Amino acid sequence: MTTVATVLVTTDFSQVELRILAHLSSDPELLKLFQDPETSDVFSILACQWKGVRVDQVKNADREQTKRIVYAVVYGAGKGRLSEWLGIPANQASQFSENFLQKYKGLRTFTQKTIQQCQMQGYVVSIMGRKRPLPHINSQDCSLRAQAERQAVNFVVQGSAADLCKMAMIKVFTCITSSSSLTAR
């Protein structure tokens, strides 16, 4: 009986959504974090800035909380939701959000432009050209409109991340299937 060796291939795009956000927003401060060779984990850097501690003092829980907060702010979570997540009063959560968007000004500009473009076209487009129609983007119902605005920004970033991951999967599959020593299953 012949034993066949198998290998499971896993990949991870480190901080892919934040990287795409930095690229799409062209925010100089955020781009600088990714371009610094000393920065291996941007969320830990953001956590140390927020907590006022050294990077080596950032706990995993702080990093994860920072990650959730960053995406919540970018994707349009209100001060009420931030307040809940942080366990702080709504005015403090609002101040945190405002401070973050002041430091990374390109993010606010990116979200505003994305929403404006969607309002004009009725859809948004991922980095690879996939369209997401958002029929409620100009709704008179403010909750439907706000939801569509959040979906617009979310799709451009997360949809683009999905595009890149799918392209990488295709490339890996192509490499495996063209190899004489590997078999894809």
N, C-alpha and C. Protein backbone atom coordinates (compact mmCIF):
# COMPACT_ATOMS: atom_id res chain seq x y z
N MET A 1 0.85 -1.18 0.00
CA MET A 1 0.00 0.00 0.00
C MET A 1 0.89 1.24 0.00
N THR A 2 0.58 2.17 -0.87
CA THR A 2 1.36 3.39 -0.99
C THR A 2 0.71 4.49 -0.16
N THR A 3 1.51 5.18 0.61
CA THR A 3 1.01 6.31 1.39
C THR A 3 1.22 7.59 0.59
N VAL A 4 0.15 8.35 0.46
CA VAL A 4 0.22 9.61 -0.27
C VAL A 4 0.28 10.74 0.74
N ALA A 5 1.29 11.54 0.63
CA ALA A 5 1.43 12.70 1.53
C ALA A 5 0.53 13.82 1.04
N THR A 6 -0.14 14.46 1.96
CA THR A 6 -0.99 15.59 1.59
C THR A 6 -0.56 16.82 2.38
N VAL A 7 -0.83 17.94 1.80
CA VAL A 7 -0.49 19.22 2.43
C VAL A 7 -1.71 20.12 2.35
N LEU A 8 -2.03 20.74 3.44
CA LEU A 8 -3.10 21.72 3.48
C LEU A 8 -2.46 23.10 3.39
N VAL A 9 -2.88 23.88 2.42
CA VAL A 9 -2.32 25.21 2.24
C VAL A 9 -3.28 26.23 2.84
N THR A 10 -2.78 27.07 3.73
CA THR A 10 -3.57 28.17 4.27
C THR A 10 -2.82 29.47 4.04
N THR A 11 -3.56 30.51 3.82
CA THR A 11 -2.95 31.83 3.63
C THR A 11 -3.74 32.87 4.41
N ASP A 12 -3.11 33.97 4.65
CA ASP A 12 -3.77 35.07 5.36
C ASP A 12 -3.19 36.38 4.85
N PHE A 13 -4.06 37.26 4.43
CA PHE A 13 -3.63 38.61 4.08
C PHE A 13 -3.68 39.42 5.36
N SER A 14 -2.54 39.71 5.92
CA SER A 14 -2.47 40.42 7.18
C SER A 14 -3.10 41.81 7.07
N GLN A 15 -4.12 42.04 7.90
CA GLN A 15 -4.78 43.35 7.99
C GLN A 15 -5.23 43.87 6.62
N VAL A 16 -5.77 42.98 5.79
CA VAL A 16 -6.07 43.31 4.40
C VAL A 16 -7.07 44.45 4.26
N GLU A 17 -8.12 44.46 5.08
CA GLU A 17 -9.11 45.54 4.94
C GLU A 17 -8.51 46.89 5.27
N LEU A 18 -7.70 46.94 6.32
CA LEU A 18 -7.08 48.21 6.69
C LEU A 18 -6.07 48.64 5.63
N ARG A 19 -5.37 47.69 5.05
CA ARG A 19 -4.43 48.00 3.96
C ARG A 19 -5.17 48.58 2.76
N ILE A 20 -6.28 47.95 2.41
CA ILE A 20 -7.09 48.45 1.28
C ILE A 20 -7.63 49.83 1.60
N LEU A 21 -8.07 50.01 2.83
CA LEU A 21 -8.57 51.31 3.26
C LEU A 21 -7.48 52.37 3.15
N ALA A 22 -6.27 52.04 3.56
CA ALA A 22 -5.15 52.98 3.44
C ALA A 22 -4.91 53.32 1.98
N HIS A 23 -4.95 52.31 1.12
CA HIS A 23 -4.73 52.53 -0.31
C HIS A 23 -5.84 53.39 -0.93
N LEU A 24 -7.09 53.01 -0.68
CA LEU A 24 -8.21 53.72 -1.30
C LEU A 24 -8.37 55.14 -0.77
N SER A 25 -8.06 55.34 0.51
CA SER A 25 -8.22 56.67 1.11
C SER A 25 -7.01 57.57 0.87
N SER A 26 -5.88 56.95 0.54
CA SER A 26 -4.61 57.69 0.40
C SER A 26 -4.29 58.51 1.64
N ASP A 27 -4.74 58.04 2.80
CA ASP A 27 -4.46 58.77 4.03
C ASP A 27 -2.97 58.67 4.34
N PRO A 28 -2.26 59.80 4.39
CA PRO A 28 -0.81 59.76 4.57
C PRO A 28 -0.37 59.14 5.89
N GLU A 29 -1.11 59.38 6.96
CA GLU A 29 -0.74 58.83 8.28
C GLU A 29 -0.92 57.31 8.30
N LEU A 30 -2.00 56.84 7.73
CA LEU A 30 -2.25 55.40 7.70
C LEU A 30 -1.28 54.70 6.76
N LEU A 31 -1.02 55.31 5.61
CA LEU A 31 -0.04 54.73 4.68
C LEU A 31 1.34 54.64 5.33
N LYS A 32 1.68 55.67 6.10
CA LYS A 32 2.98 55.69 6.78
C LYS A 32 3.13 54.50 7.73
N LEU A 33 2.05 54.14 8.41
CA LEU A 33 2.11 53.00 9.32
C LEU A 33 2.44 51.71 8.57
N PHE A 34 1.86 51.54 7.40
CA PHE A 34 2.11 50.33 6.62
C PHE A 34 3.47 50.35 5.93
N GLN A 35 4.00 51.53 5.67
CA GLN A 35 5.28 51.63 4.98
C GLN A 35 6.47 51.55 5.92
N ASP A 36 6.22 51.72 7.21
CA ASP A 36 7.30 51.66 8.21
C ASP A 36 7.72 50.21 8.41
N PRO A 37 9.00 49.89 8.11
CA PRO A 37 9.45 48.49 8.26
C PRO A 37 9.41 47.99 9.71
N GLU A 38 9.37 48.91 10.66
CA GLU A 38 9.31 48.53 12.08
C GLU A 38 7.89 48.12 12.50
N THR A 39 6.90 48.46 11.67
CA THR A 39 5.51 48.20 12.02
C THR A 39 5.08 46.86 11.45
N SER A 40 4.94 45.87 12.33
CA SER A 40 4.47 44.57 11.86
C SER A 40 2.98 44.41 12.09
N ASP A 41 2.42 45.16 13.03
CA ASP A 41 1.01 45.04 13.35
C ASP A 41 0.41 46.42 13.58
N VAL A 42 -0.29 46.91 12.59
CA VAL A 42 -0.84 48.27 12.66
C VAL A 42 -1.86 48.40 13.78
N PHE A 43 -2.66 47.36 14.01
CA PHE A 43 -3.66 47.45 15.08
C PHE A 43 -3.01 47.59 16.46
N SER A 44 -1.87 46.96 16.65
CA SER A 44 -1.15 47.13 17.93
C SER A 44 -0.61 48.56 18.06
N ILE A 45 -0.14 49.12 16.95
CA ILE A 45 0.32 50.52 16.96
C ILE A 45 -0.84 51.45 17.29
N LEU A 46 -1.98 51.23 16.65
CA LEU A 46 -3.16 52.06 16.92
C LEU A 46 -3.61 51.90 18.37
N ALA A 47 -3.54 50.68 18.89
CA ALA A 47 -3.92 50.44 20.29
C ALA A 47 -2.99 51.17 21.24
N CYS A 48 -1.68 51.17 20.94
CA CYS A 48 -0.75 51.86 21.84
C CYS A 48 -0.97 53.37 21.78
N GLN A 49 -1.32 53.90 20.60
CA GLN A 49 -1.63 55.33 20.49
C GLN A 49 -2.88 55.66 21.30
N TRP A 50 -3.87 54.81 21.21
CA TRP A 50 -5.14 55.04 21.89
C TRP A 50 -4.99 54.91 23.40
N LYS A 51 -4.29 53.86 23.83
CA LYS A 51 -4.14 53.59 25.26
C LYS A 51 -3.03 54.41 25.91
N GLY A 52 -2.12 54.97 25.08
CA GLY A 52 -1.01 55.74 25.63
C GLY A 52 0.04 54.87 26.30
N VAL A 53 0.27 53.69 25.73
CA VAL A 53 1.28 52.77 26.28
C VAL A 53 2.26 52.38 25.17
N ARG A 54 3.35 51.71 25.56
CA ARG A 54 4.30 51.21 24.57
C ARG A 54 3.70 50.01 23.84
N VAL A 55 4.19 49.75 22.64
CA VAL A 55 3.67 48.64 21.84
C VAL A 55 3.79 47.31 22.58
N ASP A 56 4.89 47.11 23.28
CA ASP A 56 5.08 45.84 23.98
C ASP A 56 4.15 45.68 25.19
N GLN A 57 3.44 46.75 25.54
CA GLN A 57 2.49 46.69 26.65
C GLN A 57 1.05 46.47 26.17
N VAL A 58 0.86 46.46 24.86
CA VAL A 58 -0.48 46.26 24.30
C VAL A 58 -0.86 44.79 24.47
N LYS A 59 -1.99 44.57 25.12
CA LYS A 59 -2.50 43.21 25.31
C LYS A 59 -3.33 42.82 24.08
N ASN A 60 -3.48 41.53 23.86
CA ASN A 60 -4.25 41.05 22.72
C ASN A 60 -5.69 41.58 22.78
N ALA A 61 -6.26 41.66 23.99
CA ALA A 61 -7.62 42.19 24.13
C ALA A 61 -7.69 43.65 23.69
N ASP A 62 -6.64 44.44 24.00
CA ASP A 62 -6.59 45.84 23.56
C ASP A 62 -6.53 45.92 22.04
N ARG A 63 -5.72 45.05 21.44
CA ARG A 63 -5.57 45.02 19.99
C ARG A 63 -6.90 44.68 19.32
N GLU A 64 -7.57 43.65 19.83
CA GLU A 64 -8.84 43.23 19.24
C GLU A 64 -9.91 44.30 19.41
N GLN A 65 -9.93 44.95 20.56
CA GLN A 65 -10.89 46.03 20.80
C GLN A 65 -10.61 47.19 19.84
N THR A 66 -9.35 47.52 19.66
CA THR A 66 -8.97 48.60 18.74
C THR A 66 -9.40 48.25 17.32
N LYS A 67 -9.18 47.02 16.92
CA LYS A 67 -9.57 46.57 15.58
C LYS A 67 -11.07 46.76 15.37
N ARG A 68 -11.87 46.31 16.34
CA ARG A 68 -13.33 46.46 16.23
C ARG A 68 -13.73 47.93 16.16
N ILE A 69 -13.08 48.74 16.98
CA ILE A 69 -13.42 50.17 17.03
C ILE A 69 -13.06 50.86 15.72
N VAL A 70 -11.88 50.57 15.19
CA VAL A 70 -11.44 51.19 13.93
C VAL A 70 -12.45 50.89 12.83
N TYR A 71 -12.80 49.62 12.69
CA TYR A 71 -13.75 49.26 11.64
C TYR A 71 -15.14 49.82 11.92
N ALA A 72 -15.53 49.88 13.19
CA ALA A 72 -16.83 50.45 13.53
C ALA A 72 -16.89 51.92 13.14
N VAL A 73 -15.82 52.66 13.42
CA VAL A 73 -15.79 54.08 13.06
C VAL A 73 -15.81 54.24 11.54
N VAL A 74 -14.98 53.48 10.85
CA VAL A 74 -14.89 53.59 9.39
C VAL A 74 -16.20 53.18 8.73
N TYR A 75 -16.83 52.13 9.23
CA TYR A 75 -18.05 51.63 8.60
C TYR A 75 -19.31 52.31 9.12
N GLY A 76 -19.14 53.35 9.93
CA GLY A 76 -20.26 54.22 10.27
C GLY A 76 -21.05 53.88 11.52
N ALA A 77 -20.47 53.13 12.45
CA ALA A 77 -21.18 52.87 13.71
C ALA A 77 -21.33 54.19 14.46
N GLY A 78 -22.46 54.38 15.06
CA GLY A 78 -22.72 55.61 15.79
C GLY A 78 -22.09 55.61 17.17
N LYS A 79 -22.22 56.74 17.83
CA LYS A 79 -21.62 56.87 19.16
C LYS A 79 -22.27 55.93 20.17
N GLY A 80 -23.54 55.59 19.96
CA GLY A 80 -24.22 54.66 20.85
C GLY A 80 -23.60 53.28 20.82
N ARG A 81 -23.33 52.78 19.62
CA ARG A 81 -22.71 51.46 19.48
C ARG A 81 -21.30 51.48 20.04
N LEU A 82 -20.53 52.52 19.71
CA LEU A 82 -19.17 52.63 20.25
C LEU A 82 -19.19 52.69 21.78
N SER A 83 -20.14 53.44 22.30
CA SER A 83 -20.29 53.57 23.75
C SER A 83 -20.51 52.20 24.39
N GLU A 84 -21.38 51.40 23.78
CA GLU A 84 -21.64 50.04 24.27
C GLU A 84 -20.38 49.20 24.27
N TRP A 85 -19.68 49.19 23.13
CA TRP A 85 -18.49 48.35 22.98
C TRP A 85 -17.38 48.73 23.95
N LEU A 86 -17.23 50.04 24.18
CA LEU A 86 -16.15 50.50 25.03
C LEU A 86 -16.54 50.59 26.50
N GLY A 87 -17.84 50.55 26.77
CA GLY A 87 -18.29 50.69 28.14
C GLY A 87 -18.04 52.08 28.69
N ILE A 88 -18.19 53.08 27.82
CA ILE A 88 -17.97 54.48 28.22
C ILE A 88 -19.18 55.30 27.80
N PRO A 89 -19.33 56.51 28.36
CA PRO A 89 -20.45 57.36 27.96
C PRO A 89 -20.40 57.72 26.47
N ALA A 90 -21.57 57.96 25.90
CA ALA A 90 -21.68 58.24 24.46
C ALA A 90 -20.84 59.45 24.05
N ASN A 91 -20.76 60.48 24.90
CA ASN A 91 -19.98 61.66 24.52
C ASN A 91 -18.49 61.33 24.43
N GLN A 92 -18.00 60.42 25.28
CA GLN A 92 -16.60 60.00 25.19
C GLN A 92 -16.37 59.16 23.93
N ALA A 93 -17.32 58.30 23.61
CA ALA A 93 -17.21 57.49 22.40
C ALA A 93 -17.19 58.38 21.17
N SER A 94 -18.03 59.39 21.18
CA SER A 94 -18.08 60.35 20.08
C SER A 94 -16.74 61.08 19.95
N GLN A 95 -16.16 61.44 21.09
CA GLN A 95 -14.86 62.12 21.09
C GLN A 95 -13.76 61.21 20.55
N PHE A 96 -13.80 59.92 20.93
CA PHE A 96 -12.82 58.97 20.41
C PHE A 96 -12.92 58.88 18.89
N SER A 97 -14.14 58.75 18.40
CA SER A 97 -14.36 58.65 16.96
C SER A 97 -13.84 59.89 16.25
N GLU A 98 -14.16 61.04 16.80
CA GLU A 98 -13.73 62.31 16.19
C GLU A 98 -12.22 62.44 16.20
N ASN A 99 -11.57 62.07 17.31
CA ASN A 99 -10.11 62.13 17.39
C ASN A 99 -9.46 61.21 16.36
N PHE A 100 -10.01 60.02 16.21
CA PHE A 100 -9.48 59.06 15.24
C PHE A 100 -9.59 59.63 13.82
N LEU A 101 -10.76 60.17 13.49
CA LEU A 101 -10.97 60.72 12.15
C LEU A 101 -10.19 62.01 11.92
N GLN A 102 -9.84 62.72 12.99
CA GLN A 102 -8.99 63.90 12.84
C GLN A 102 -7.56 63.49 12.53
N LYS A 103 -7.09 62.44 13.18
CA LYS A 103 -5.72 61.97 12.94
C LYS A 103 -5.59 61.37 11.55
N TYR A 104 -6.59 60.62 11.13
CA TYR A 104 -6.58 59.95 9.83
C TYR A 104 -7.65 60.58 8.94
N LYS A 105 -7.40 61.82 8.57
CA LYS A 105 -8.37 62.65 7.84
C LYS A 105 -8.80 62.04 6.50
N GLY A 106 -7.90 61.33 5.87
CA GLY A 106 -8.23 60.73 4.58
C GLY A 106 -9.37 59.73 4.65
N LEU A 107 -9.58 59.14 5.83
CA LEU A 107 -10.66 58.17 5.98
C LEU A 107 -12.02 58.84 5.87
N ARG A 108 -12.16 59.99 6.51
CA ARG A 108 -13.44 60.72 6.42
C ARG A 108 -13.69 61.16 4.98
N THR A 109 -12.65 61.66 4.33
CA THR A 109 -12.79 62.08 2.93
C THR A 109 -13.18 60.90 2.05
N PHE A 110 -12.54 59.75 2.26
CA PHE A 110 -12.86 58.55 1.49
C PHE A 110 -14.32 58.13 1.68
N THR A 111 -14.78 58.10 2.93
CA THR A 111 -16.17 57.68 3.17
C THR A 111 -17.14 58.67 2.55
N GLN A 112 -16.85 59.96 2.68
CA GLN A 112 -17.74 60.97 2.09
C GLN A 112 -17.79 60.85 0.57
N LYS A 113 -16.62 60.68 -0.06
CA LYS A 113 -16.58 60.54 -1.52
C LYS A 113 -17.29 59.27 -1.99
N THR A 114 -17.10 58.19 -1.25
CA THR A 114 -17.74 56.93 -1.60
C THR A 114 -19.26 57.08 -1.56
N ILE A 115 -19.76 57.70 -0.51
CA ILE A 115 -21.20 57.90 -0.36
C ILE A 115 -21.72 58.84 -1.45
N GLN A 116 -21.01 59.93 -1.72
CA GLN A 116 -21.44 60.87 -2.76
C GLN A 116 -21.48 60.20 -4.13
N GLN A 117 -20.46 59.41 -4.43
CA GLN A 117 -20.41 58.70 -5.71
C GLN A 117 -21.59 57.73 -5.81
N CYS A 118 -21.89 57.04 -4.73
CA CYS A 118 -23.01 56.11 -4.73
C CYS A 118 -24.33 56.85 -4.90
N GLN A 119 -24.46 58.00 -4.28
CA GLN A 119 -25.68 58.79 -4.43
C GLN A 119 -25.90 59.22 -5.88
N MET A 120 -24.82 59.51 -6.58
CA MET A 120 -24.93 59.93 -7.98
C MET A 120 -25.20 58.75 -8.91
N GLN A 121 -24.54 57.60 -8.66
CA GLN A 121 -24.63 56.45 -9.56
C GLN A 121 -25.66 55.41 -9.15
N GLY A 122 -25.95 55.35 -7.86
CA GLY A 122 -26.86 54.33 -7.36
C GLY A 122 -26.17 53.01 -7.03
N TYR A 123 -24.86 52.97 -7.16
CA TYR A 123 -24.09 51.76 -6.87
C TYR A 123 -22.66 52.13 -6.52
N VAL A 124 -21.94 51.15 -5.95
CA VAL A 124 -20.51 51.29 -5.69
C VAL A 124 -19.80 50.15 -6.40
N VAL A 125 -18.48 50.29 -6.54
CA VAL A 125 -17.69 49.33 -7.30
C VAL A 125 -16.48 48.89 -6.48
N SER A 126 -16.20 47.59 -6.50
CA SER A 126 -15.01 47.08 -5.81
C SER A 126 -13.78 47.36 -6.66
N ILE A 127 -12.63 47.05 -6.11
CA ILE A 127 -11.35 47.32 -6.77
C ILE A 127 -11.22 46.57 -8.11
N MET A 128 -11.95 45.44 -8.23
CA MET A 128 -11.91 44.66 -9.48
C MET A 128 -13.14 44.90 -10.36
N GLY A 129 -13.93 45.90 -10.02
CA GLY A 129 -15.04 46.29 -10.88
C GLY A 129 -16.38 45.65 -10.59
N ARG A 130 -16.48 44.89 -9.51
CA ARG A 130 -17.80 44.34 -9.16
C ARG A 130 -18.70 45.46 -8.66
N LYS A 131 -19.94 45.48 -9.12
CA LYS A 131 -20.88 46.53 -8.73
C LYS A 131 -21.84 46.03 -7.66
N ARG A 132 -22.16 46.92 -6.75
CA ARG A 132 -23.19 46.65 -5.74
C ARG A 132 -24.21 47.76 -5.80
N PRO A 133 -25.40 47.48 -6.35
CA PRO A 133 -26.44 48.50 -6.37
C PRO A 133 -26.98 48.74 -4.95
N LEU A 134 -27.24 49.98 -4.64
CA LEU A 134 -27.81 50.34 -3.34
C LEU A 134 -29.00 51.26 -3.58
N PRO A 135 -30.17 50.68 -3.83
CA PRO A 135 -31.34 51.47 -4.23
C PRO A 135 -31.84 52.45 -3.17
N HIS A 136 -31.47 52.26 -1.91
CA HIS A 136 -31.96 53.16 -0.85
C HIS A 136 -30.99 54.29 -0.54
N ILE A 137 -29.96 54.47 -1.35
CA ILE A 137 -28.93 55.47 -1.06
C ILE A 137 -29.49 56.90 -1.04
N ASN A 138 -30.56 57.13 -1.77
CA ASN A 138 -31.17 58.47 -1.79
C ASN A 138 -32.56 58.46 -1.17
N SER A 139 -32.83 57.49 -0.33
CA SER A 139 -34.15 57.33 0.27
C SER A 139 -34.49 58.52 1.17
N GLN A 140 -35.78 58.84 1.22
CA GLN A 140 -36.27 59.86 2.14
C GLN A 140 -36.28 59.33 3.58
N ASP A 141 -36.33 58.00 3.71
CA ASP A 141 -36.29 57.35 5.02
C ASP A 141 -34.84 57.38 5.50
N CYS A 142 -34.58 58.17 6.54
CA CYS A 142 -33.19 58.38 6.97
C CYS A 142 -32.51 57.10 7.46
N SER A 143 -33.26 56.16 8.03
CA SER A 143 -32.62 54.92 8.48
C SER A 143 -32.23 54.04 7.30
N LEU A 144 -33.07 53.98 6.26
CA LEU A 144 -32.72 53.22 5.05
C LEU A 144 -31.52 53.86 4.34
N ARG A 145 -31.52 55.18 4.28
CA ARG A 145 -30.42 55.90 3.64
C ARG A 145 -29.11 55.69 4.40
N ALA A 146 -29.17 55.79 5.73
CA ALA A 146 -27.96 55.60 6.55
C ALA A 146 -27.43 54.17 6.40
N GLN A 147 -28.33 53.20 6.34
CA GLN A 147 -27.90 51.82 6.14
C GLN A 147 -27.21 51.66 4.79
N ALA A 148 -27.78 52.24 3.74
CA ALA A 148 -27.17 52.16 2.41
C ALA A 148 -25.81 52.86 2.38
N GLU A 149 -25.67 53.96 3.10
CA GLU A 149 -24.39 54.66 3.17
C GLU A 149 -23.33 53.78 3.82
N ARG A 150 -23.70 53.11 4.92
CA ARG A 150 -22.75 52.21 5.58
C ARG A 150 -22.40 51.04 4.65
N GLN A 151 -23.41 50.51 3.95
CA GLN A 151 -23.17 49.39 3.04
C GLN A 151 -22.26 49.80 1.89
N ALA A 152 -22.38 51.03 1.44
CA ALA A 152 -21.54 51.51 0.33
C ALA A 152 -20.07 51.46 0.71
N VAL A 153 -19.74 52.05 1.84
CA VAL A 153 -18.34 52.08 2.30
C VAL A 153 -17.86 50.67 2.59
N ASN A 154 -18.69 49.90 3.28
CA ASN A 154 -18.34 48.53 3.64
C ASN A 154 -18.04 47.70 2.39
N PHE A 155 -18.89 47.79 1.37
CA PHE A 155 -18.69 46.98 0.18
C PHE A 155 -17.40 47.34 -0.55
N VAL A 156 -17.13 48.62 -0.69
CA VAL A 156 -15.93 49.02 -1.42
C VAL A 156 -14.68 48.42 -0.75
N VAL A 157 -14.63 48.46 0.57
CA VAL A 157 -13.46 47.93 1.27
C VAL A 157 -13.50 46.41 1.36
N GLN A 158 -14.58 45.86 1.91
CA GLN A 158 -14.64 44.41 2.09
C GLN A 158 -14.77 43.67 0.76
N GLY A 159 -15.50 44.25 -0.18
CA GLY A 159 -15.62 43.63 -1.50
C GLY A 159 -14.28 43.60 -2.21
N SER A 160 -13.50 44.66 -2.05
CA SER A 160 -12.17 44.70 -2.65
C SER A 160 -11.24 43.68 -1.99
N ALA A 161 -11.37 43.53 -0.66
CA ALA A 161 -10.58 42.52 0.04
C ALA A 161 -10.94 41.13 -0.47
N ALA A 162 -12.22 40.88 -0.67
CA ALA A 162 -12.67 39.59 -1.20
C ALA A 162 -12.13 39.37 -2.61
N ASP A 163 -12.12 40.42 -3.42
CA ASP A 163 -11.56 40.33 -4.78
C ASP A 163 -10.11 39.88 -4.74
N LEU A 164 -9.32 40.52 -3.87
CA LEU A 164 -7.90 40.18 -3.77
C LEU A 164 -7.70 38.75 -3.28
N CYS A 165 -8.50 38.34 -2.31
CA CYS A 165 -8.38 36.97 -1.80
C CYS A 165 -8.73 35.96 -2.89
N LYS A 166 -9.77 36.23 -3.66
CA LYS A 166 -10.15 35.32 -4.75
C LYS A 166 -9.07 35.26 -5.83
N MET A 167 -8.47 36.40 -6.13
CA MET A 167 -7.38 36.41 -7.12
C MET A 167 -6.21 35.57 -6.61
N ALA A 168 -5.90 35.67 -5.34
CA ALA A 168 -4.81 34.88 -4.76
C ALA A 168 -5.14 33.39 -4.79
N MET A 169 -6.39 33.05 -4.49
CA MET A 169 -6.81 31.65 -4.53
C MET A 169 -6.66 31.07 -5.94
N ILE A 170 -7.04 31.85 -6.93
CA ILE A 170 -6.91 31.40 -8.32
C ILE A 170 -5.44 31.20 -8.67
N LYS A 171 -4.61 32.13 -8.23
CA LYS A 171 -3.18 32.02 -8.53
C LYS A 171 -2.56 30.78 -7.87
N VAL A 172 -2.91 30.54 -6.61
CA VAL A 172 -2.41 29.35 -5.91
C VAL A 172 -2.90 28.09 -6.61
N PHE A 173 -4.18 28.05 -6.95
CA PHE A 173 -4.74 26.88 -7.63
C PHE A 173 -4.04 26.64 -8.97
N THR A 174 -3.80 27.72 -9.72
CA THR A 174 -3.10 27.60 -11.00
C THR A 174 -1.70 27.04 -10.81
N CYS A 175 -0.99 27.52 -9.80
CA CYS A 175 0.36 27.01 -9.53
C CYS A 175 0.33 25.53 -9.17
N ILE A 176 -0.64 25.15 -8.36
CA ILE A 176 -0.73 23.74 -7.95
C ILE A 176 -1.09 22.85 -9.13
N THR A 177 -2.08 23.27 -9.91
CA THR A 177 -2.52 22.41 -11.03
C THR A 177 -1.50 22.35 -12.15
N SER A 178 -0.64 23.34 -12.26
CA SER A 178 0.39 23.29 -13.31
C SER A 178 1.66 22.58 -12.83
N SER A 179 1.69 22.21 -11.57
CA SER A 179 2.85 21.51 -11.02
C SER A 179 2.77 20.02 -11.34
N SER A 180 3.91 19.44 -11.64
CA SER A 180 3.94 18.00 -11.92
C SER A 180 3.97 17.18 -10.62
N SER A 181 4.29 17.82 -9.51
CA SER A 181 4.40 17.07 -8.26
C SER A 181 3.26 17.33 -7.27
N LEU A 182 2.35 18.25 -7.61
CA LEU A 182 1.26 18.57 -6.70
C LEU A 182 -0.09 18.28 -7.36
N THR A 183 -1.06 17.91 -6.56
CA THR A 183 -2.41 17.66 -7.05
C THR A 183 -3.38 18.43 -6.15
N ALA A 184 -4.23 19.21 -6.77
CA ALA A 184 -5.22 19.97 -6.01
C ALA A 184 -6.47 19.12 -5.82
N ARG A 185 -7.03 19.14 -4.63
CA ARG A 185 -8.28 18.42 -4.35
C ARG A 185 -9.23 19.33 -3.64
